[in-house]
N, C-alpha and C. Protein backbone atom coordinates (compact mmCIF):
# COMPACT_ATOMS: atom_id res chain seq x y z
N MET A 1 32.06 -41.87 39.36
CA MET A 1 32.63 -42.36 38.12
C MET A 1 31.59 -42.21 37.02
N ARG A 2 31.48 -40.99 36.54
CA ARG A 2 30.50 -40.72 35.51
C ARG A 2 31.15 -39.91 34.40
N ALA A 3 30.54 -39.98 33.22
CA ALA A 3 31.00 -39.20 32.08
C ALA A 3 29.78 -38.86 31.24
N LYS A 4 29.86 -37.72 30.57
CA LYS A 4 28.76 -37.28 29.73
C LYS A 4 29.25 -37.02 28.32
N LEU A 5 28.42 -37.39 27.37
CA LEU A 5 28.68 -37.09 25.96
C LEU A 5 27.49 -36.26 25.49
N ARG A 6 27.75 -35.03 25.10
CA ARG A 6 26.67 -34.14 24.71
C ARG A 6 26.78 -33.78 23.23
N TYR A 7 25.64 -33.54 22.62
CA TYR A 7 25.53 -33.12 21.22
C TYR A 7 26.11 -34.15 20.25
N LEU A 8 25.87 -35.42 20.53
CA LEU A 8 26.28 -36.48 19.60
C LEU A 8 25.37 -36.41 18.38
N ARG A 9 25.97 -36.35 17.18
CA ARG A 9 25.19 -36.16 15.97
C ARG A 9 24.61 -37.48 15.43
N VAL A 10 24.01 -38.26 16.33
CA VAL A 10 23.26 -39.46 15.99
C VAL A 10 21.95 -39.34 16.76
N SER A 11 20.85 -39.72 16.16
CA SER A 11 19.57 -39.56 16.84
C SER A 11 19.51 -40.42 18.09
N ALA A 12 18.71 -39.99 19.04
CA ALA A 12 18.60 -40.68 20.32
C ALA A 12 18.06 -42.10 20.13
N ARG A 13 17.16 -42.27 19.19
CA ARG A 13 16.58 -43.59 18.95
C ARG A 13 17.64 -44.59 18.50
N LYS A 14 18.53 -44.17 17.61
CA LYS A 14 19.59 -45.06 17.13
C LYS A 14 20.64 -45.29 18.21
N THR A 15 20.90 -44.28 19.02
CA THR A 15 21.90 -44.42 20.08
C THR A 15 21.41 -45.36 21.16
N ARG A 16 20.11 -45.35 21.45
CA ARG A 16 19.55 -46.24 22.47
C ARG A 16 19.73 -47.71 22.10
N LEU A 17 19.69 -48.03 20.80
CA LEU A 17 19.93 -49.41 20.37
C LEU A 17 21.33 -49.88 20.75
N VAL A 18 22.29 -48.98 20.65
CA VAL A 18 23.68 -49.31 21.00
C VAL A 18 23.85 -49.40 22.51
N VAL A 19 23.27 -48.45 23.22
CA VAL A 19 23.44 -48.36 24.67
C VAL A 19 22.81 -49.57 25.37
N ASP A 20 21.70 -50.08 24.82
CA ASP A 20 21.03 -51.23 25.41
C ASP A 20 21.90 -52.49 25.37
N LEU A 21 22.86 -52.55 24.45
CA LEU A 21 23.75 -53.70 24.35
C LEU A 21 24.70 -53.81 25.53
N VAL A 22 25.06 -52.67 26.15
CA VAL A 22 26.13 -52.69 27.16
C VAL A 22 25.64 -52.40 28.58
N ARG A 23 24.39 -52.05 28.75
CA ARG A 23 23.88 -51.73 30.09
C ARG A 23 23.99 -52.95 31.01
N GLY A 24 24.64 -52.77 32.16
CA GLY A 24 24.80 -53.84 33.14
C GLY A 24 26.00 -54.74 32.92
N LYS A 25 26.73 -54.57 31.83
CA LYS A 25 27.89 -55.41 31.53
C LYS A 25 29.15 -54.85 32.20
N GLY A 26 30.15 -55.70 32.36
CA GLY A 26 31.45 -55.25 32.83
C GLY A 26 32.10 -54.36 31.79
N VAL A 27 33.00 -53.47 32.22
CA VAL A 27 33.55 -52.49 31.28
C VAL A 27 34.37 -53.14 30.17
N GLY A 28 35.09 -54.20 30.48
CA GLY A 28 35.87 -54.89 29.44
C GLY A 28 34.98 -55.51 28.39
N GLU A 29 33.92 -56.17 28.85
CA GLU A 29 32.98 -56.79 27.93
C GLU A 29 32.24 -55.73 27.11
N ALA A 30 31.88 -54.61 27.75
CA ALA A 30 31.17 -53.54 27.06
C ALA A 30 32.03 -52.95 25.95
N ILE A 31 33.31 -52.73 26.21
CA ILE A 31 34.20 -52.18 25.20
C ILE A 31 34.37 -53.16 24.04
N ASN A 32 34.46 -54.47 24.35
CA ASN A 32 34.55 -55.47 23.28
C ASN A 32 33.30 -55.48 22.41
N ILE A 33 32.14 -55.41 23.02
CA ILE A 33 30.88 -55.39 22.27
C ILE A 33 30.84 -54.18 21.34
N LEU A 34 31.21 -53.02 21.87
CA LEU A 34 31.13 -51.80 21.07
C LEU A 34 32.18 -51.75 19.97
N THR A 35 33.32 -52.41 20.19
CA THR A 35 34.38 -52.42 19.19
C THR A 35 33.94 -53.19 17.94
N PHE A 36 33.17 -54.27 18.13
CA PHE A 36 32.83 -55.14 17.00
C PHE A 36 31.39 -55.00 16.53
N THR A 37 30.66 -54.02 17.03
CA THR A 37 29.30 -53.77 16.55
C THR A 37 29.37 -52.68 15.50
N ARG A 38 28.65 -52.88 14.39
CA ARG A 38 28.71 -51.93 13.28
C ARG A 38 27.51 -51.01 13.33
N ARG A 39 27.61 -49.98 14.16
CA ARG A 39 26.60 -48.94 14.26
C ARG A 39 27.33 -47.61 14.36
N ALA A 40 26.68 -46.54 13.93
CA ALA A 40 27.33 -45.22 13.93
C ALA A 40 27.64 -44.74 15.34
N ALA A 41 26.80 -45.09 16.31
CA ALA A 41 26.97 -44.57 17.67
C ALA A 41 27.95 -45.39 18.49
N CYS A 42 28.45 -46.50 17.98
CA CYS A 42 29.30 -47.39 18.79
C CYS A 42 30.62 -46.74 19.20
N GLU A 43 31.30 -46.10 18.27
CA GLU A 43 32.59 -45.51 18.61
C GLU A 43 32.48 -44.38 19.63
N PRO A 44 31.55 -43.43 19.48
CA PRO A 44 31.43 -42.40 20.50
C PRO A 44 31.04 -42.95 21.88
N VAL A 45 30.18 -43.96 21.92
CA VAL A 45 29.77 -44.54 23.21
C VAL A 45 30.95 -45.30 23.83
N ARG A 46 31.75 -45.97 23.00
CA ARG A 46 32.94 -46.66 23.52
C ARG A 46 33.92 -45.66 24.13
N LYS A 47 34.14 -44.54 23.43
CA LYS A 47 35.02 -43.50 23.96
C LYS A 47 34.48 -42.91 25.26
N LEU A 48 33.15 -42.81 25.36
CA LEU A 48 32.53 -42.31 26.58
C LEU A 48 32.81 -43.24 27.75
N ILE A 49 32.67 -44.55 27.53
CA ILE A 49 32.94 -45.53 28.60
C ILE A 49 34.41 -45.49 28.98
N GLU A 50 35.30 -45.36 28.00
CA GLU A 50 36.73 -45.26 28.31
C GLU A 50 37.02 -44.00 29.12
N SER A 51 36.33 -42.91 28.84
CA SER A 51 36.50 -41.69 29.62
C SER A 51 36.02 -41.90 31.06
N ALA A 52 34.90 -42.60 31.22
CA ALA A 52 34.40 -42.89 32.57
C ALA A 52 35.37 -43.79 33.33
N ILE A 53 36.02 -44.71 32.63
CA ILE A 53 37.03 -45.58 33.26
C ILE A 53 38.21 -44.72 33.73
N ALA A 54 38.64 -43.77 32.89
CA ALA A 54 39.75 -42.89 33.27
C ALA A 54 39.37 -42.05 34.48
N ASN A 55 38.11 -41.60 34.54
CA ASN A 55 37.64 -40.85 35.71
C ASN A 55 37.67 -41.73 36.96
N ALA A 56 37.33 -43.00 36.81
CA ALA A 56 37.34 -43.92 37.94
C ALA A 56 38.77 -44.18 38.42
N GLU A 57 39.71 -44.29 37.46
CA GLU A 57 41.11 -44.49 37.85
C GLU A 57 41.63 -43.28 38.62
N ALA A 58 41.18 -42.09 38.26
CA ALA A 58 41.61 -40.88 38.96
C ALA A 58 41.09 -40.88 40.40
N LYS A 59 39.98 -41.57 40.64
CA LYS A 59 39.43 -41.67 41.99
C LYS A 59 39.87 -42.93 42.70
N ASN A 60 40.89 -43.62 42.16
CA ASN A 60 41.49 -44.82 42.75
C ASN A 60 40.50 -45.96 42.89
N ALA A 61 39.64 -46.16 41.90
CA ALA A 61 38.71 -47.29 41.91
C ALA A 61 39.38 -48.50 41.27
N ASP A 62 38.92 -49.70 41.63
CA ASP A 62 39.44 -50.93 41.05
C ASP A 62 38.79 -51.14 39.69
N VAL A 63 39.56 -51.00 38.63
CA VAL A 63 39.02 -51.02 37.27
C VAL A 63 38.49 -52.41 36.91
N ASP A 64 39.07 -53.46 37.47
CA ASP A 64 38.64 -54.81 37.14
C ASP A 64 37.24 -55.11 37.65
N ARG A 65 36.78 -54.37 38.66
CA ARG A 65 35.46 -54.63 39.24
C ARG A 65 34.39 -53.66 38.74
N LEU A 66 34.74 -52.79 37.81
CA LEU A 66 33.78 -51.80 37.32
C LEU A 66 32.80 -52.43 36.33
N TYR A 67 31.57 -51.92 36.35
CA TYR A 67 30.57 -52.30 35.37
C TYR A 67 29.72 -51.08 35.03
N VAL A 68 29.00 -51.16 33.92
CA VAL A 68 28.16 -50.06 33.47
C VAL A 68 26.87 -50.10 34.29
N ASP A 69 26.78 -49.23 35.29
CA ASP A 69 25.63 -49.23 36.20
C ASP A 69 24.41 -48.64 35.51
N THR A 70 24.49 -47.39 35.11
CA THR A 70 23.41 -46.77 34.35
C THR A 70 24.00 -46.04 33.16
N ILE A 71 23.31 -46.14 32.05
CA ILE A 71 23.70 -45.40 30.86
C ILE A 71 22.40 -44.99 30.17
N THR A 72 22.23 -43.68 30.02
CA THR A 72 20.97 -43.16 29.49
C THR A 72 21.23 -42.30 28.27
N VAL A 73 20.23 -42.23 27.42
CA VAL A 73 20.30 -41.39 26.22
C VAL A 73 19.11 -40.44 26.24
N ASP A 74 19.40 -39.15 26.18
CA ASP A 74 18.36 -38.13 26.10
C ASP A 74 18.47 -37.42 24.76
N GLU A 75 17.36 -36.82 24.35
CA GLU A 75 17.35 -36.11 23.08
C GLU A 75 18.00 -34.75 23.24
N GLY A 76 18.86 -34.40 22.30
CA GLY A 76 19.49 -33.08 22.30
C GLY A 76 18.76 -32.16 21.35
N PRO A 77 19.30 -30.97 21.11
CA PRO A 77 18.64 -30.05 20.18
C PRO A 77 18.71 -30.57 18.74
N THR A 78 17.73 -30.22 17.96
CA THR A 78 17.65 -30.64 16.57
C THR A 78 18.14 -29.51 15.67
N LEU A 79 19.07 -29.83 14.80
CA LEU A 79 19.53 -28.87 13.79
C LEU A 79 18.54 -28.92 12.64
N ARG A 80 18.00 -27.78 12.24
CA ARG A 80 17.01 -27.74 11.17
C ARG A 80 17.66 -27.19 9.91
N ARG A 81 17.64 -28.00 8.88
CA ARG A 81 18.20 -27.62 7.59
C ARG A 81 17.08 -27.70 6.56
N PHE A 82 17.24 -26.99 5.44
CA PHE A 82 16.20 -26.97 4.42
C PHE A 82 16.75 -27.43 3.09
N ARG A 83 15.92 -28.18 2.37
CA ARG A 83 16.29 -28.72 1.07
C ARG A 83 15.32 -28.16 0.04
N PRO A 84 15.83 -27.60 -1.04
CA PRO A 84 14.93 -27.09 -2.07
C PRO A 84 14.17 -28.22 -2.76
N ARG A 85 12.90 -27.94 -3.05
CA ARG A 85 12.05 -28.92 -3.72
C ARG A 85 11.43 -28.27 -4.97
N ALA A 86 10.56 -29.00 -5.61
CA ALA A 86 9.97 -28.53 -6.86
C ALA A 86 9.06 -27.32 -6.64
N MET A 87 8.93 -26.51 -7.65
CA MET A 87 8.02 -25.37 -7.70
C MET A 87 8.29 -24.35 -6.59
N GLY A 88 9.57 -24.15 -6.27
CA GLY A 88 9.94 -23.11 -5.32
C GLY A 88 9.69 -23.44 -3.87
N ARG A 89 9.33 -24.66 -3.56
CA ARG A 89 9.08 -25.03 -2.18
C ARG A 89 10.37 -25.47 -1.51
N ALA A 90 10.29 -25.68 -0.19
CA ALA A 90 11.44 -26.20 0.58
C ALA A 90 10.91 -27.19 1.60
N THR A 91 11.71 -28.18 1.91
CA THR A 91 11.36 -29.20 2.89
C THR A 91 12.38 -29.17 4.01
N ARG A 92 11.91 -29.32 5.23
CA ARG A 92 12.81 -29.28 6.37
C ARG A 92 13.47 -30.64 6.58
N ILE A 93 14.75 -30.62 6.84
CA ILE A 93 15.52 -31.81 7.19
C ILE A 93 15.92 -31.66 8.65
N ASN A 94 15.54 -32.60 9.49
CA ASN A 94 15.89 -32.57 10.91
C ASN A 94 17.16 -33.38 11.14
N LYS A 95 18.19 -32.73 11.65
CA LYS A 95 19.42 -33.43 12.01
C LYS A 95 19.44 -33.52 13.53
N ARG A 96 19.09 -34.69 14.03
CA ARG A 96 18.88 -34.86 15.46
C ARG A 96 20.18 -35.15 16.19
N THR A 97 20.23 -34.72 17.46
CA THR A 97 21.38 -34.97 18.32
C THR A 97 20.91 -35.66 19.59
N SER A 98 21.88 -36.16 20.36
CA SER A 98 21.54 -36.84 21.61
C SER A 98 22.61 -36.57 22.66
N HIS A 99 22.19 -36.69 23.91
CA HIS A 99 23.08 -36.58 25.07
C HIS A 99 23.13 -37.93 25.75
N VAL A 100 24.34 -38.45 26.00
CA VAL A 100 24.50 -39.76 26.63
C VAL A 100 25.20 -39.55 27.97
N THR A 101 24.66 -40.16 29.03
CA THR A 101 25.26 -40.10 30.36
C THR A 101 25.58 -41.52 30.81
N CYS A 102 26.81 -41.74 31.25
CA CYS A 102 27.26 -43.07 31.67
C CYS A 102 27.74 -43.00 33.13
N VAL A 103 27.27 -43.95 33.93
CA VAL A 103 27.70 -44.05 35.33
C VAL A 103 28.24 -45.46 35.55
N LEU A 104 29.49 -45.54 36.03
CA LEU A 104 30.10 -46.82 36.35
C LEU A 104 30.07 -47.04 37.85
N ALA A 105 29.98 -48.31 38.27
CA ALA A 105 30.01 -48.65 39.69
C ALA A 105 30.88 -49.90 39.86
N GLU A 106 31.27 -50.17 41.12
CA GLU A 106 32.09 -51.34 41.41
C GLU A 106 31.21 -52.49 41.89
N ARG A 107 31.51 -53.69 41.39
CA ARG A 107 30.81 -54.89 41.88
C ARG A 107 31.44 -55.32 43.19
N ASN A 108 30.63 -55.89 44.05
CA ASN A 108 31.16 -56.35 45.36
C ASN A 108 31.68 -57.77 45.28
């Protein structure tokens, strides 16, 4: 019962703040937390957990006993953009991405 979210256009550092809120929680509680937290990464992470729940249902797991076992955030590739500056110079703008992996397990 795992799901992956790749190339999320939020930096890994900001996504880890969101992911730390739900690690080890039950799936219902995790979805509630993510629904009412005001961060950019909350909605994509909530959809990721819902996708992992759907994968668990396909494998005939008991959804009421599921919890977020491990959820990790890795750094993805950085999009490099350039902004014109004074006197003909340019400055690089890094648009960072992240990869999120979620694993659900059943409580005994």
